[in-house]
Amino acid sequence: MKRESFLVLLGVLIILSPFSGLPLSWLTWVLLCMGVIVVIIGITLRRDRHDREVAVVPSDT
């Protein structure tokens, strides 16, 4: 699964999490973990975009 698709799936799970029926103590930790995963995916997507942009720019050497 691509990172973009996984990010959308996590977003849907986060939206549906209040209706999951989990105890609030569990829900707090689940949402924290999902948030960390979203941040990691965002950082890797940004790094990949930056690497692609740098690869396109020709060097002046």
N, C-alpha and C. Protein backbone atom coordinates (compact mmCIF):
# COMPACT_ATOMS: atom_id res chain seq x y z
N MET A 1 0.84 -1.17 0.00
CA MET A 1 0.00 0.00 0.00
C MET A 1 0.90 1.24 0.00
N LYS A 2 0.57 2.18 -0.84
CA LYS A 2 1.35 3.40 -0.90
C LYS A 2 1.13 4.23 0.35
N ARG A 3 2.11 5.06 0.64
CA ARG A 3 2.02 5.89 1.84
C ARG A 3 0.83 6.83 1.79
N GLU A 4 0.52 7.34 0.60
CA GLU A 4 -0.62 8.24 0.47
C GLU A 4 -1.92 7.54 0.81
N SER A 5 -2.07 6.31 0.34
CA SER A 5 -3.27 5.53 0.64
C SER A 5 -3.35 5.20 2.12
N PHE A 6 -2.21 4.87 2.71
CA PHE A 6 -2.17 4.56 4.13
C PHE A 6 -2.52 5.79 4.96
N LEU A 7 -2.09 6.95 4.49
CA LEU A 7 -2.40 8.21 5.18
C LEU A 7 -3.90 8.48 5.15
N VAL A 8 -4.54 8.24 4.01
CA VAL A 8 -5.99 8.41 3.90
C VAL A 8 -6.71 7.42 4.82
N LEU A 9 -6.26 6.18 4.85
CA LEU A 9 -6.86 5.17 5.72
C LEU A 9 -6.73 5.58 7.19
N LEU A 10 -5.57 6.06 7.59
CA LEU A 10 -5.40 6.53 8.96
C LEU A 10 -6.32 7.70 9.26
N GLY A 11 -6.49 8.59 8.31
CA GLY A 11 -7.41 9.72 8.50
C GLY A 11 -8.83 9.25 8.74
N VAL A 12 -9.27 8.27 7.97
CA VAL A 12 -10.61 7.72 8.15
C VAL A 12 -10.74 7.06 9.52
N LEU A 13 -9.72 6.31 9.93
CA LEU A 13 -9.75 5.67 11.24
C LEU A 13 -9.78 6.69 12.37
N ILE A 14 -9.06 7.78 12.21
CA ILE A 14 -9.07 8.84 13.22
C ILE A 14 -10.44 9.49 13.29
N ILE A 15 -11.07 9.71 12.15
CA ILE A 15 -12.41 10.30 12.13
C ILE A 15 -13.42 9.38 12.81
N LEU A 16 -13.29 8.07 12.58
CA LEU A 16 -14.24 7.11 13.14
C LEU A 16 -13.92 6.69 14.58
N SER A 17 -12.76 7.06 15.08
CA SER A 17 -12.34 6.60 16.40
C SER A 17 -13.28 6.97 17.55
N PRO A 18 -13.95 8.14 17.56
CA PRO A 18 -14.87 8.41 18.67
C PRO A 18 -16.05 7.42 18.72
N PHE A 19 -16.36 6.78 17.62
CA PHE A 19 -17.48 5.87 17.55
C PHE A 19 -17.05 4.40 17.69
N SER A 20 -15.80 4.17 18.05
CA SER A 20 -15.27 2.81 18.11
C SER A 20 -15.71 2.04 19.34
N GLY A 21 -16.09 2.73 20.38
CA GLY A 21 -16.50 2.06 21.60
C GLY A 21 -15.34 1.71 22.52
N LEU A 22 -14.15 2.14 22.18
CA LEU A 22 -12.99 1.89 23.04
C LEU A 22 -13.07 2.76 24.29
N PRO A 23 -12.56 2.27 25.40
CA PRO A 23 -12.47 3.13 26.60
C PRO A 23 -11.58 4.34 26.31
N LEU A 24 -11.87 5.44 26.98
CA LEU A 24 -11.13 6.68 26.71
C LEU A 24 -9.64 6.54 26.97
N SER A 25 -9.25 5.74 27.94
CA SER A 25 -7.82 5.58 28.22
C SER A 25 -7.12 4.88 27.04
N TRP A 26 -7.78 3.90 26.44
CA TRP A 26 -7.22 3.23 25.27
C TRP A 26 -7.24 4.15 24.06
N LEU A 27 -8.35 4.86 23.89
CA LEU A 27 -8.50 5.74 22.74
C LEU A 27 -7.42 6.81 22.72
N THR A 28 -7.06 7.30 23.89
CA THR A 28 -5.99 8.30 23.97
C THR A 28 -4.70 7.76 23.39
N TRP A 29 -4.34 6.54 23.78
CA TRP A 29 -3.09 5.95 23.28
C TRP A 29 -3.18 5.58 21.81
N VAL A 30 -4.33 5.09 21.38
CA VAL A 30 -4.51 4.74 19.96
C VAL A 30 -4.37 5.98 19.09
N LEU A 31 -5.02 7.07 19.49
CA LEU A 31 -4.94 8.31 18.71
C LEU A 31 -3.53 8.90 18.74
N LEU A 32 -2.85 8.77 19.86
CA LEU A 32 -1.47 9.23 19.94
C LEU A 32 -0.59 8.47 18.95
N CYS A 33 -0.73 7.15 18.92
CA CYS A 33 0.06 6.33 17.99
C CYS A 33 -0.27 6.66 16.54
N MET A 34 -1.55 6.82 16.25
CA MET A 34 -1.94 7.17 14.87
C MET A 34 -1.37 8.53 14.49
N GLY A 35 -1.38 9.48 15.41
CA GLY A 35 -0.81 10.80 15.14
C GLY A 35 0.67 10.74 14.85
N VAL A 36 1.39 9.93 15.61
CA VAL A 36 2.83 9.77 15.37
C VAL A 36 3.07 9.16 13.99
N ILE A 37 2.26 8.18 13.62
CA ILE A 37 2.40 7.55 12.30
C ILE A 37 2.13 8.55 11.19
N VAL A 38 1.11 9.39 11.38
CA VAL A 38 0.79 10.42 10.38
C VAL A 38 1.97 11.38 10.22
N VAL A 39 2.56 11.79 11.33
CA VAL A 39 3.71 12.70 11.27
C VAL A 39 4.89 12.04 10.54
N ILE A 40 5.16 10.79 10.84
CA ILE A 40 6.27 10.08 10.18
C ILE A 40 6.02 9.97 8.69
N ILE A 41 4.81 9.62 8.29
CA ILE A 41 4.49 9.52 6.87
C ILE A 41 4.63 10.89 6.20
N GLY A 42 4.16 11.93 6.87
CA GLY A 42 4.30 13.28 6.32
C GLY A 42 5.74 13.68 6.12
N ILE A 43 6.58 13.35 7.07
CA ILE A 43 8.00 13.68 6.96
C ILE A 43 8.64 12.91 5.80
N THR A 44 8.31 11.63 5.66
CA THR A 44 8.92 10.86 4.57
C THR A 44 8.42 11.33 3.21
N LEU A 45 7.15 11.71 3.11
CA LEU A 45 6.64 12.24 1.84
C LEU A 45 7.32 13.55 1.48
N ARG A 46 7.51 14.41 2.48
CA ARG A 46 8.17 15.69 2.24
C ARG A 46 9.63 15.48 1.83
N ARG A 47 10.32 14.53 2.50
CA ARG A 47 11.72 14.24 2.16
C ARG A 47 11.84 13.71 0.73
N ASP A 48 10.92 12.82 0.35
CA ASP A 48 10.96 12.28 -1.01
C ASP A 48 10.72 13.37 -2.05
N ARG A 49 9.77 14.28 -1.76
CA ARG A 49 9.52 15.37 -2.70
C ARG A 49 10.74 16.26 -2.82
N HIS A 50 11.38 16.55 -1.70
CA HIS A 50 12.60 17.36 -1.72
C HIS A 50 13.70 16.68 -2.51
N ASP A 51 13.87 15.38 -2.31
CA ASP A 51 14.90 14.64 -3.04
C ASP A 51 14.64 14.65 -4.54
N ARG A 52 13.38 14.55 -4.94
CA ARG A 52 13.05 14.61 -6.38
C ARG A 52 13.35 15.98 -6.96
N GLU A 53 13.03 17.05 -6.19
CA GLU A 53 13.31 18.40 -6.67
C GLU A 53 14.80 18.66 -6.79
N VAL A 54 15.57 18.17 -5.86
CA VAL A 54 17.03 18.36 -5.89
C VAL A 54 17.63 17.58 -7.05
N ALA A 55 17.09 16.40 -7.35
CA ALA A 55 17.62 15.59 -8.43
C ALA A 55 17.36 16.22 -9.79
N VAL A 56 16.33 17.04 -9.91
CA VAL A 56 15.99 17.65 -11.19
C VAL A 56 16.90 18.85 -11.48
N VAL A 57 17.35 19.55 -10.47
CA VAL A 57 18.16 20.75 -10.65
C VAL A 57 19.56 20.33 -11.09
N PRO A 58 20.02 20.82 -12.26
CA PRO A 58 21.38 20.48 -12.72
C PRO A 58 22.41 21.24 -11.91
N SER A 59 23.57 20.65 -11.72
CA SER A 59 24.65 21.32 -10.98
C SER A 59 25.46 22.19 -11.95
N ASP A 60 26.12 23.20 -11.40
CA ASP A 60 26.91 24.13 -12.20
C ASP A 60 28.38 23.74 -12.26
N THR A 61 28.74 22.54 -11.89
CA THR A 61 30.16 22.16 -11.87
C THR A 61 30.65 21.72 -13.20
